[in-house]
C-alpha atoms as a PDB file:
ATOM      1  CA  MET A   1      -0.132-105.902  95.767  1.00  0.00           C
ATOM      2  CA  LEU A   2      -1.534-103.239  93.430  1.00  0.00           C
ATOM      3  CA  ILE A   3       1.603-101.127  93.778  1.00  0.00           C
ATOM      4  CA  GLN A   4       3.808-104.322  92.888  1.00  0.00           C
ATOM      5  CA  ILE A   5       1.757-104.971  89.956  1.00  0.00           C
ATOM      6  CA  PHE A   6       1.599-101.354  88.713  1.00  0.00           C
ATOM      7  CA  SER A   7       5.584-100.923  88.997  1.00  0.00           C
ATOM      8  CA  ILE A   8       5.814-104.306  86.885  1.00  0.00           C
ATOM      9  CA  ILE A   9       3.261-103.395  83.894  1.00  0.00           C
ATOM     10  CA  ALA A  10       4.227 -99.485  83.847  1.00  0.00           C
ATOM     11  CA  PRO A  11       7.724 -99.923  82.409  1.00  0.00           C
ATOM     12  CA  VAL A  12       6.411-102.269  79.871  1.00  0.00           C
ATOM     13  CA  PHE A  13       3.672 -99.894  78.935  1.00  0.00           C
ATOM     14  CA  ILE A  14       5.709 -96.783  78.920  1.00  0.00           C
ATOM     15  CA  CYS A  15       8.414 -98.356  76.852  1.00  0.00           C
ATOM     16  CA  ALA A  16       5.908 -99.555  74.242  1.00  0.00           C
ATOM     17  CA  PHE A  17       3.868 -96.443  74.136  1.00  0.00           C
ATOM     18  CA  LEU A  18       7.105 -94.400  73.226  1.00  0.00           C
ATOM     19  CA  GLY A  19       7.492 -96.803  70.333  1.00  0.00           C
ATOM     20  CA  TYR A  20       3.986 -96.255  69.398  1.00  0.00           C
ATOM     21  CA  CYS A  21       4.255 -92.716  69.621  1.00  0.00           C
ATOM     22  CA  TRP A  22       7.472 -92.858  67.557  1.00  0.00           C
ATOM     23  CA  GLY A  23       5.612 -94.537  64.754  1.00  0.00           C
ATOM     24  CA  LYS A  24       2.487 -92.451  64.809  1.00  0.00           C
ATOM     25  CA  PHE A  25       4.783 -89.163  64.362  1.00  0.00           C
ATOM     26  CA  GLN A  26       6.296 -91.136  61.272  1.00  0.00           C
ATOM     27  CA  GLN A  27       9.976 -90.911  62.619  1.00  0.00           C
ATOM     28  CA  PRO A  28      12.422 -93.043  60.790  1.00  0.00           C
ATOM     29  CA  PHE A  29      12.377 -96.737  61.927  1.00  0.00           C
ATOM     30  CA  ASP A  30      14.130 -99.465  60.061  1.00  0.00           C
ATOM     31  CA  ARG A  31      12.100-102.413  61.337  1.00  0.00           C
ATOM     32  CA  GLU A  32      14.291-104.886  59.316  1.00  0.00           C
ATOM     33  CA  PHE A  33      17.355-103.325  60.543  1.00  0.00           C
ATOM     34  CA  VAL A  34      16.003-103.436  64.204  1.00  0.00           C
ATOM     35  CA  THR A  35      14.720-106.926  64.021  1.00  0.00           C
ATOM     36  CA  ARG A  36      18.272-108.246  62.671  1.00  0.00           C
ATOM     37  CA  ILE A  37      20.186-106.519  65.749  1.00  0.00           C
ATOM     38  CA  ILE A  38      17.610-108.015  68.142  1.00  0.00           C
ATOM     39  CA  THR A  39      17.717-111.700  66.719  1.00  0.00           C
ATOM     40  CA  ASN A  40      21.312-111.861  65.344  1.00  0.00           C
ATOM     41  CA  ILE A  41      23.241-109.782  68.273  1.00  0.00           C
ATOM     42  CA  SER A  42      21.413-108.303  71.162  1.00  0.00           C
ATOM     43  CA  ALA A  43      18.935-111.327  71.933  1.00  0.00           C
ATOM     44  CA  PRO A  44      21.783-113.863  71.630  1.00  0.00           C
ATOM     45  CA  CYS A  45      24.303-111.804  73.966  1.00  0.00           C
ATOM     46  CA  LEU A  46      21.496-111.371  76.600  1.00  0.00           C
ATOM     47  CA  VAL A  47      21.150-115.307  76.659  1.00  0.00           C
ATOM     48  CA  PHE A  48      24.735-115.740  77.075  1.00  0.00           C
ATOM     49  CA  ALA A  49      25.193-112.892  79.806  1.00  0.00           C
ATOM     50  CA  THR A  50      22.306-113.860  81.736  1.00  0.00           C
ATOM     51  CA  PHE A  51      23.117-117.474  81.782  1.00  0.00           C
ATOM     52  CA  MET A  52      26.869-116.724  82.497  1.00  0.00           C
ATOM     53  CA  GLU A  53      25.734-114.652  85.647  1.00  0.00           C
ATOM     54  CA  ALA A  54      22.867-116.625  86.943  1.00  0.00           C
ATOM     55  CA  SER A  55      23.439-118.642  90.134  1.00  0.00           C
ATOM     56  CA  ILE A  56      20.344-121.315  89.537  1.00  0.00           C
ATOM     57  CA  ASP A  57      20.402-124.978  89.403  1.00  0.00           C
ATOM     58  CA  MET A  58      20.300-126.712  86.316  1.00  0.00           C
ATOM     59  CA  GLN A  59      16.923-128.617  87.027  1.00  0.00           C
ATOM     60  CA  PRO A  60      14.743-125.448  86.685  1.00  0.00           C
ATOM     61  CA  PHE A  61      16.429-124.451  83.619  1.00  0.00           C
ATOM     62  CA  LEU A  62      15.842-128.053  82.348  1.00  0.00           C
ATOM     63  CA  SER A  63      12.165-128.058  83.441  1.00  0.00           C
ATOM     64  CA  VAL A  64      11.266-124.805  81.501  1.00  0.00           C
ATOM     65  CA  MET A  65      12.749-126.080  78.556  1.00  0.00           C
ATOM     66  CA  ALA A  66      10.844-129.243  78.787  1.00  0.00           C
ATOM     67  CA  GLY A  67       7.982-127.014  79.735  1.00  0.00           C
ATOM     68  CA  THR A  68       8.243-124.767  76.717  1.00  0.00           C
ATOM     69  CA  PHE A  69       8.471-127.785  74.285  1.00  0.00           C
ATOM     70  CA  LEU A  70       5.298-129.338  75.853  1.00  0.00           C
ATOM     71  CA  ASN A  71       3.483-126.174  75.737  1.00  0.00           C
ATOM     72  CA  VAL A  72       4.339-125.654  71.989  1.00  0.00           C
ATOM     73  CA  CYS A  73       3.384-128.786  71.063  1.00  0.00           C
ATOM     74  CA  ILE A  74       0.089-128.990  73.212  1.00  0.00           C
ATOM     75  CA  VAL A  75      -1.137-125.523  72.066  1.00  0.00           C
ATOM     76  CA  GLY A  76      -0.174-126.388  68.550  1.00  0.00           C
ATOM     77  CA  LEU A  77      -2.114-129.523  68.477  1.00  0.00           C
ATOM     78  CA  ILE A  78      -5.301-127.886  70.060  1.00  0.00           C
ATOM     79  CA  ALA A  79      -5.235-124.899  67.914  1.00  0.00           C
ATOM     80  CA  PHE A  80      -4.680-127.165  64.848  1.00  0.00           C
ATOM     81  CA  LEU A  81      -7.860-128.825  65.581  1.00  0.00           C
ATOM     82  CA  ILE A  82      -9.821-125.493  66.221  1.00  0.00           C
ATOM     83  CA  LEU A  83      -8.389-123.703  63.137  1.00  0.00           C
ATOM     84  CA  ARG A  84      -9.113-126.836  60.963  1.00  0.00           C
ATOM     85  CA  ALA A  85     -12.764-127.314  62.302  1.00  0.00           C
ATOM     86  CA  LEU A  86     -13.309-123.570  61.482  1.00  0.00           C
ATOM     87  CA  ASN A  87     -11.694-123.816  58.197  1.00  0.00           C
ATOM     88  CA  PHE A  88      -9.159-121.246  58.890  1.00  0.00           C
ATOM     89  CA  ASP A  89      -5.825-121.190  56.920  1.00  0.00           C
ATOM     90  CA  LEU A  90      -3.269-123.298  58.921  1.00  0.00           C
ATOM     91  CA  HIS A  91      -0.204-121.463  57.141  1.00  0.00           C
ATOM     92  CA  ALA A  92      -1.456-118.146  58.090  1.00  0.00           C
ATOM     93  CA  PHE A  93      -2.790-118.654  61.868  1.00  0.00           C
ATOM     94  CA  LEU A  94      -1.480-121.673  63.372  1.00  0.00           C
ATOM     95  CA  PRO A  95       2.064-120.211  64.330  1.00  0.00           C
ATOM     96  CA  SER A  96       0.341-117.131  65.753  1.00  0.00           C
ATOM     97  CA  GLN A  97      -1.306-119.482  68.209  1.00  0.00           C
ATOM     98  CA  MET A  98       1.668-121.681  68.838  1.00  0.00           C
ATOM     99  CA  PHE A  99       4.260-118.907  69.469  1.00  0.00           C
ATOM    100  CA  PRO A 100       3.561-116.065  71.684  1.00  0.00           C
ATOM    101  CA  ASN A 101       5.419-112.926  72.347  1.00  0.00           C
ATOM    102  CA  THR A 102       7.821-113.985  75.027  1.00  0.00           C
ATOM    103  CA  GLY A 103      10.535-111.469  74.010  1.00  0.00           C
ATOM    104  CA  ASN A 104       8.954-107.912  73.566  1.00  0.00           C
ATOM    105  CA  MET A 105       6.628-108.388  76.564  1.00  0.00           C
ATOM    106  CA  GLY A 106       7.329-111.887  78.237  1.00  0.00           C
ATOM    107  CA  LEU A 107      11.050-110.962  79.310  1.00  0.00           C
ATOM    108  CA  PRO A 108      10.503-107.732  80.963  1.00  0.00           C
ATOM    109  CA  LEU A 109       7.584-109.036  82.921  1.00  0.00           C
ATOM    110  CA  CYS A 110       9.569-112.178  83.898  1.00  0.00           C
ATOM    111  CA  LEU A 111      12.535-109.583  84.976  1.00  0.00           C
ATOM    112  CA  LEU A 112      10.241-107.484  86.832  1.00  0.00           C
ATOM    113  CA  ALA A 113       8.311-109.940  88.590  1.00  0.00           C
ATOM    114  CA  PHE A 114      10.876-112.440  89.873  1.00  0.00           C
ATOM    115  CA  GLY A 115      14.210-110.354  89.277  1.00  0.00           C
ATOM    116  CA  ASP A 116      17.559-112.006  87.695  1.00  0.00           C
ATOM    117  CA  GLU A 117      16.258-115.659  88.456  1.00  0.00           C
ATOM    118  CA  GLY A 118      12.923-114.921  86.703  1.00  0.00           C
ATOM    119  CA  LEU A 119      14.917-113.226  83.639  1.00  0.00           C
ATOM    120  CA  ALA A 120      17.214-116.268  83.398  1.00  0.00           C
ATOM    121  CA  LEU A 121      14.289-118.640  83.455  1.00  0.00           C
ATOM    122  CA  GLY A 122      12.344-116.361  81.063  1.00  0.00           C
ATOM    123  CA  ILE A 123      15.316-116.256  78.542  1.00  0.00           C
ATOM    124  CA  THR A 124      15.232-120.217  78.601  1.00  0.00           C
ATOM    125  CA  TYR A 125      11.591-120.164  77.654  1.00  0.00           C
ATOM    126  CA  PHE A 126      12.260-117.441  75.011  1.00  0.00           C
ATOM    127  CA  ALA A 127      15.303-119.283  73.646  1.00  0.00           C
ATOM    128  CA  VAL A 128      13.584-122.707  73.190  1.00  0.00           C
ATOM    129  CA  ASN A 129      10.246-120.766  71.862  1.00  0.00           C
ATOM    130  CA  SER A 130      12.246-118.614  69.416  1.00  0.00           C
ATOM    131  CA  PHE A 131      14.198-121.868  67.967  1.00  0.00           C
ATOM    132  CA  PHE A 132      10.890-123.638  67.228  1.00  0.00           C
ATOM    133  CA  HIS A 133       9.343-120.196  65.942  1.00  0.00           C
ATOM    134  CA  PHE A 134      12.214-119.563  63.693  1.00  0.00           C
ATOM    135  CA  THR A 135      12.246-123.175  62.397  1.00  0.00           C
ATOM    136  CA  LEU A 136       8.913-124.878  62.700  1.00  0.00           C
ATOM    137  CA  GLY A 137       7.156-121.832  62.711  1.00  0.00           C
ATOM    138  CA  VAL A 138       8.764-120.307  59.510  1.00  0.00           C
ATOM    139  CA  ALA A 139       8.331-124.103  57.861  1.00  0.00           C
ATOM    140  CA  ILE A 140       4.407-123.933  58.529  1.00  0.00           C
ATOM    141  CA  SER A 141       3.880-120.214  57.235  1.00  0.00           C
ATOM    142  CA  ARG A 142       6.060-121.002  54.040  1.00  0.00           C
ATOM    143  CA  GLY A 143       4.725-124.429  53.669  1.00  0.00           C
ATOM    144  CA  SER A 144       8.359-126.261  53.612  1.00  0.00           C
ATOM    145  CA  LEU A 145      11.063-126.611  55.801  1.00  0.00           C
ATOM    146  CA  SER A 146      14.464-125.285  55.112  1.00  0.00           C
ATOM    147  CA  LEU A 147      17.598-126.503  56.996  1.00  0.00           C
ATOM    148  CA  GLN A 148      19.446-123.131  56.105  1.00  0.00           C
ATOM    149  CA  HIS A 149      17.193-121.384  58.471  1.00  0.00           C
ATOM    150  CA  LEU A 150      18.491-123.532  61.122  1.00  0.00           C
ATOM    151  CA  ALA A 151      22.050-123.436  60.139  1.00  0.00           C
ATOM    152  CA  ARG A 152      21.841-119.430  60.218  1.00  0.00           C
ATOM    153  CA  ASN A 153      19.895-119.211  63.481  1.00  0.00           C
ATOM    154  CA  PRO A 154      22.255-117.583  66.012  1.00  0.00           C
ATOM    155  CA  MET A 155      19.862-118.365  69.017  1.00  0.00           C
ATOM    156  CA  PHE A 156      20.259-122.177  68.509  1.00  0.00           C
ATOM    157  CA  PHE A 157      23.836-122.184  68.339  1.00  0.00           C
ATOM    158  CA  THR A 158      24.063-119.657  71.437  1.00  0.00           C
ATOM    159  CA  VAL A 159      21.773-121.934  73.428  1.00  0.00           C
ATOM    160  CA  ILE A 160      23.853-124.917  72.874  1.00  0.00           C
ATOM    161  CA  LEU A 161      26.888-123.249  73.846  1.00  0.00           C
ATOM    162  CA  THR A 162      25.803-121.516  76.901  1.00  0.00           C
ATOM    163  CA  LEU A 163      24.202-124.574  78.139  1.00  0.00           C
ATOM    164  CA  ALA A 164      27.335-126.617  77.799  1.00  0.00           C
ATOM    165  CA  LEU A 165      29.311-123.947  79.493  1.00  0.00           C
ATOM    166  CA  VAL A 166      26.784-123.866  82.314  1.00  0.00           C
ATOM    167  CA  TYR A 167      26.446-127.585  82.997  1.00  0.00           C
ATOM    168  CA  PHE A 168      30.249-128.271  82.827  1.00  0.00           C
ATOM    169  CA  ASN A 169      30.769-125.013  85.139  1.00  0.00           C
ATOM    170  CA  VAL A 170      32.979-123.088  82.877  1.00  0.00           C
ATOM    171  CA  ARG A 171      32.991-119.685  83.175  1.00  0.00           C
ATOM    172  CA  ALA A 172      33.914-117.349  80.010  1.00  0.00           C
ATOM    173  CA  PRO A 173      36.517-114.748  80.301  1.00  0.00           C
ATOM    174  CA  ILE A 174      35.481-111.538  81.847  1.00  0.00           C
ATOM    175  CA  TRP A 175      36.079-109.540  78.866  1.00  0.00           C
ATOM    176  CA  ILE A 176      33.499-111.724  76.965  1.00  0.00           C
ATOM    177  CA  ILE A 177      31.172-111.322  79.810  1.00  0.00           C
ATOM    178  CA  ASN A 178      31.410-107.751  80.075  1.00  0.00           C
ATOM    179  CA  THR A 179      31.044-107.194  76.017  1.00  0.00           C
ATOM    180  CA  THR A 180      27.974-109.445  75.996  1.00  0.00           C
ATOM    181  CA  GLU A 181      26.433-107.563  78.758  1.00  0.00           C
ATOM    182  CA  LEU A 182      26.796-104.459  77.119  1.00  0.00           C
ATOM    183  CA  LEU A 183      25.069-105.641  73.687  1.00  0.00           C
ATOM    184  CA  ALA A 184      22.558-107.517  75.855  1.00  0.00           C
ATOM    185  CA  GLY A 185      21.770-104.123  77.489  1.00  0.00           C
ATOM    186  CA  ILE A 186      19.647-102.925  74.437  1.00  0.00           C
ATOM    187  CA  ALA A 187      17.653-105.970  73.857  1.00  0.00           C
ATOM    188  CA  ILE A 188      14.711-105.416  76.238  1.00  0.00           C
ATOM    189  CA  PRO A 189      14.116-101.600  75.589  1.00  0.00           C
ATOM    190  CA  LEU A 190      14.668-102.098  71.883  1.00  0.00           C
ATOM    191  CA  MET A 191      12.279-105.098  71.690  1.00  0.00           C
ATOM    192  CA  LEU A 192       9.487-102.834  73.575  1.00  0.00           C
ATOM    193  CA  ILE A 193      10.011 -99.803  71.449  1.00  0.00           C
ATOM    194  CA  ALA A 194       9.924-101.968  68.130  1.00  0.00           C
ATOM    195  CA  LEU A 195       6.553-103.649  69.619  1.00  0.00           C
ATOM    196  CA  GLY A 196       4.967-100.152  69.763  1.00  0.00           C
ATOM    197  CA  VAL A 197       6.288 -98.973  66.566  1.00  0.00           C
ATOM    198  CA  SER A 198       4.842-102.010  65.021  1.00  0.00           C
ATOM    199  CA  LEU A 199       1.589-101.724  66.457  1.00  0.00           C
ATOM    200  CA  SER A 200       1.249 -98.156  65.396  1.00  0.00           C
ATOM    201  CA  GLN A 201       1.989 -99.216  61.791  1.00  0.00           C
ATOM    202  CA  PHE A 202      -0.635-102.276  61.608  1.00  0.00           C
ATOM    203  CA  LYS A 203      -3.610-102.225  59.558  1.00  0.00           C
ATOM    204  CA  VAL A 204      -6.347-104.493  60.660  1.00  0.00           C
ATOM    205  CA  SER A 205      -8.970-106.244  58.662  1.00  0.00           C
ATOM    206  CA  SER A 206     -11.640-108.773  59.528  1.00  0.00           C
ATOM    207  CA  ILE A 207     -12.049-107.495  63.067  1.00  0.00           C
ATOM    208  CA  HIS A 208     -14.266-110.237  64.342  1.00  0.00           C
ATOM    209  CA  ARG A 209     -12.142-112.765  63.263  1.00  0.00           C
ATOM    210  CA  SER A 210      -8.731-111.196  64.464  1.00  0.00           C
ATOM    211  CA  LEU A 211     -10.459-110.379  67.742  1.00  0.00           C
ATOM    212  CA  GLY A 212     -11.572-114.093  68.328  1.00  0.00           C
ATOM    213  CA  LEU A 213      -8.149-115.662  67.383  1.00  0.00           C
ATOM    214  CA  ALA A 214      -6.573-113.075  69.865  1.00  0.00           C
ATOM    215  CA  ALA A 215      -8.622-114.185  72.634  1.00  0.00           C
ATOM    216  CA  LEU A 216      -7.934-117.727  71.774  1.00  0.00           C
ATOM    217  CA  ARG A 217      -4.384-117.258  72.014  1.00  0.00           C
ATOM    218  CA  LEU A 218      -4.584-115.740  75.478  1.00  0.00           C
ATOM    219  CA  SER A 219      -7.017-118.168  77.034  1.00  0.00           C
ATOM    220  CA  LEU A 220      -5.312-121.237  75.389  1.00  0.00           C
ATOM    221  CA  GLY A 221      -1.824-120.040  76.469  1.00  0.00           C
ATOM    222  CA  PHE A 222      -2.887-119.543  79.951  1.00  0.00           C
ATOM    223  CA  VAL A 223      -4.806-122.809  80.233  1.00  0.00           C
ATOM    224  CA  VAL A 224      -1.855-124.868  78.812  1.00  0.00           C
ATOM    225  CA  GLY A 225       0.765-122.849  80.488  1.00  0.00           C
ATOM    226  CA  LEU A 226      -0.799-123.480  84.049  1.00  0.00           C
ATOM    227  CA  SER A 227      -1.615-127.411  83.023  1.00  0.00           C
ATOM    228  CA  VAL A 228       2.176-127.887  82.033  1.00  0.00           C
ATOM    229  CA  ALA A 229       3.469-125.950  85.166  1.00  0.00           C
ATOM    230  CA  GLN A 230       1.378-128.448  87.292  1.00  0.00           C
ATOM    231  CA  LEU A 231       2.294-131.345  85.370  1.00  0.00           C
ATOM    232  CA  LEU A 232       6.054-130.836  85.764  1.00  0.00           C
ATOM    233  CA  GLU A 233       5.627-129.685  89.314  1.00  0.00           C
ATOM    234  CA  LEU A 234       7.189-126.267  88.791  1.00  0.00           C
ATOM    235  CA  GLU A 235       7.720-124.143  92.176  1.00  0.00           C
ATOM    236  CA  GLY A 236       8.639-120.455  92.594  1.00  0.00           C
ATOM    237  CA  ALA A 237       9.890-118.324  89.842  1.00  0.00           C
ATOM    238  CA  ALA A 238       9.804-121.472  87.199  1.00  0.00           C
ATOM    239  CA  TRP A 239       6.089-121.884  87.891  1.00  0.00           C
ATOM    240  CA  GLY A 240       5.254-118.074  87.506  1.00  0.00           C
ATOM    241  CA  VAL A 241       7.864-117.693  84.545  1.00  0.00           C
ATOM    242  CA  MET A 242       6.174-120.513  82.654  1.00  0.00           C
ATOM    243  CA  ILE A 243       2.626-119.387  83.055  1.00  0.00           C
ATOM    244  CA  ILE A 244       3.468-115.539  82.109  1.00  0.00           C
ATOM    245  CA  GLN A 245       5.376-116.637  78.848  1.00  0.00           C
ATOM    246  CA  SER A 246       2.693-118.942  77.811  1.00  0.00           C
ATOM    247  CA  SER A 247       0.128-116.288  78.446  1.00  0.00           C
ATOM    248  CA  MET A 248       1.671-113.766  76.220  1.00  0.00           C
ATOM    249  CA  PRO A 249      -0.060-112.263  72.983  1.00  0.00           C
ATOM    250  CA  VAL A 250       0.712-112.881  69.261  1.00  0.00           C
ATOM    251  CA  ALA A 251       4.373-112.511  68.575  1.00  0.00           C
ATOM    252  CA  VAL A 252       5.002-109.732  66.128  1.00  0.00           C
ATOM    253  CA  PHE A 253       7.413-112.092  64.079  1.00  0.00           C
ATOM    254  CA  SER A 254       4.280-114.202  63.208  1.00  0.00           C
ATOM    255  CA  TYR A 255       3.123-110.929  61.279  1.00  0.00           C
ATOM    256  CA  LEU A 256       6.374-110.601  59.542  1.00  0.00           C
ATOM    257  CA  PHE A 257       6.578-114.356  58.427  1.00  0.00           C
ATOM    258  CA  ALA A 258       3.024-113.983  57.234  1.00  0.00           C
ATOM    259  CA  PHE A 259       3.871-110.922  55.293  1.00  0.00           C
ATOM    260  CA  GLN A 260       6.844-112.543  53.724  1.00  0.00           C
ATOM    261  CA  ASN A 261       4.994-115.510  52.765  1.00  0.00           C
ATOM    262  CA  LYS A 262       1.761-113.884  51.933  1.00  0.00           C
ATOM    263  CA  ARG A 263      -0.341-115.549  54.165  1.00  0.00           C
ATOM    264  CA  SER A 264      -3.189-113.189  55.115  1.00  0.00           C
ATOM    265  CA  PRO A 265      -0.807-110.719  56.472  1.00  0.00           C
ATOM    266  CA  GLU A 266      -3.612-108.123  57.599  1.00  0.00           C
ATOM    267  CA  GLU A 267      -5.510-110.513  59.362  1.00  0.00           C
ATOM    268  CA  VAL A 268      -2.569-111.873  61.223  1.00  0.00           C
ATOM    269  CA  ALA A 269      -1.653-107.964  61.953  1.00  0.00           C
ATOM    270  CA  GLY A 270      -5.027-107.972  63.288  1.00  0.00           C
ATOM    271  CA  THR A 271      -4.476-110.795  65.898  1.00  0.00           C
ATOM    272  CA  VAL A 272      -1.164-109.213  67.025  1.00  0.00           C
ATOM    273  CA  VAL A 273      -3.008-105.919  67.586  1.00  0.00           C
ATOM    274  CA  PHE A 274      -5.813-107.208  69.553  1.00  0.00           C
ATOM    275  CA  SER A 275      -3.898-109.755  71.683  1.00  0.00           C
ATOM    276  CA  THR A 276      -1.762-107.309  72.851  1.00  0.00           C
ATOM    277  CA  LEU A 277      -4.523-104.894  73.608  1.00  0.00           C
ATOM    278  CA  LEU A 278      -6.274-107.638  75.536  1.00  0.00           C
ATOM    279  CA  SER A 279      -3.202-108.438  77.370  1.00  0.00           C
ATOM    280  CA  PHE A 280      -2.923-104.748  78.637  1.00  0.00           C
ATOM    281  CA  ILE A 281      -6.145-105.799  80.320  1.00  0.00           C
ATOM    282  CA  SER A 282      -5.120-109.278  81.216  1.00  0.00           C
ATOM    283  CA  LEU A 283      -1.705-108.653  82.803  1.00  0.00           C
ATOM    284  CA  PRO A 284      -2.751-107.046  86.107  1.00  0.00           C
ATOM    285  CA  LEU A 285      -4.952-110.457  86.731  1.00  0.00           C
ATOM    286  CA  LEU A 286      -2.096-112.820  85.405  1.00  0.00           C
ATOM    287  CA  LEU A 287       0.501-110.949  87.756  1.00  0.00           C
ATOM    288  CA  TRP A 288      -1.809-111.122  90.492  1.00  0.00           C
ATOM    289  CA  PHE A 289      -2.224-114.907  89.980  1.00  0.00           C
ATOM    290  CA  VAL A 290       1.519-115.841  89.498  1.00  0.00           C
ATOM    291  CA  LEU A 291       3.051-113.397  92.213  1.00  0.00           C
ATOM    292  CA  PRO A 292       3.584-114.786  95.743  1.00  0.00           C
END
């Protein structure tokens, strides 16, 4: 079991560490360009290619989609009550509690823990989570909702199109599948390297508050993820993926949105850094819990 857990965690750590070293040695890295490549091209291609190749019944997909929606709502409600009771800025810290890092860290773990089935289900969670993060999360951070962001969200249209093709059992031409697979291949390594570079460049302020919010994100995500998995009676890979994805640390995008909207970006960066560092400690226990 220890060897299995190490074989899952090691590639994630190594790729993120390479990005961290790249950033520390001040090598050129255009974060905005990489973010746009991932969100607009490689991640949608990863969704499409994986769903086209996956041979899984629709029921687990639909259950994970429903579970992701429930998770976002429940975590958001609990975090809202806690943050409001502590008189914290909801615009700054609520999105970081609601939306975990299901891409950079969650997808590699789902793939390595449960294979192609885990990746397909992990992408389902990632797609739904990303849709709400780039719409509701941006709206909370900004303080207003813009339909233009939804209209420009490639992930939303990719998920709708792909689910329609899978539901009606329509297979895309092989040249389209091969092209999207090629573009999808850069997604996960680039996500992990970008995570490492981001961690190397963050400046942390208000350590105690950032550390507390980081611990809240990880513990709240695990408890709610486990509860949702039990409520929906998920089994096998779907059960493990639901818990893994919901237990991930704060997404780097939460910092980017806080920075764009001037919502305490340094403190949000602290929650990203500390939740990621704490997750490196909690991941072995998490994998031990979910692996058969």
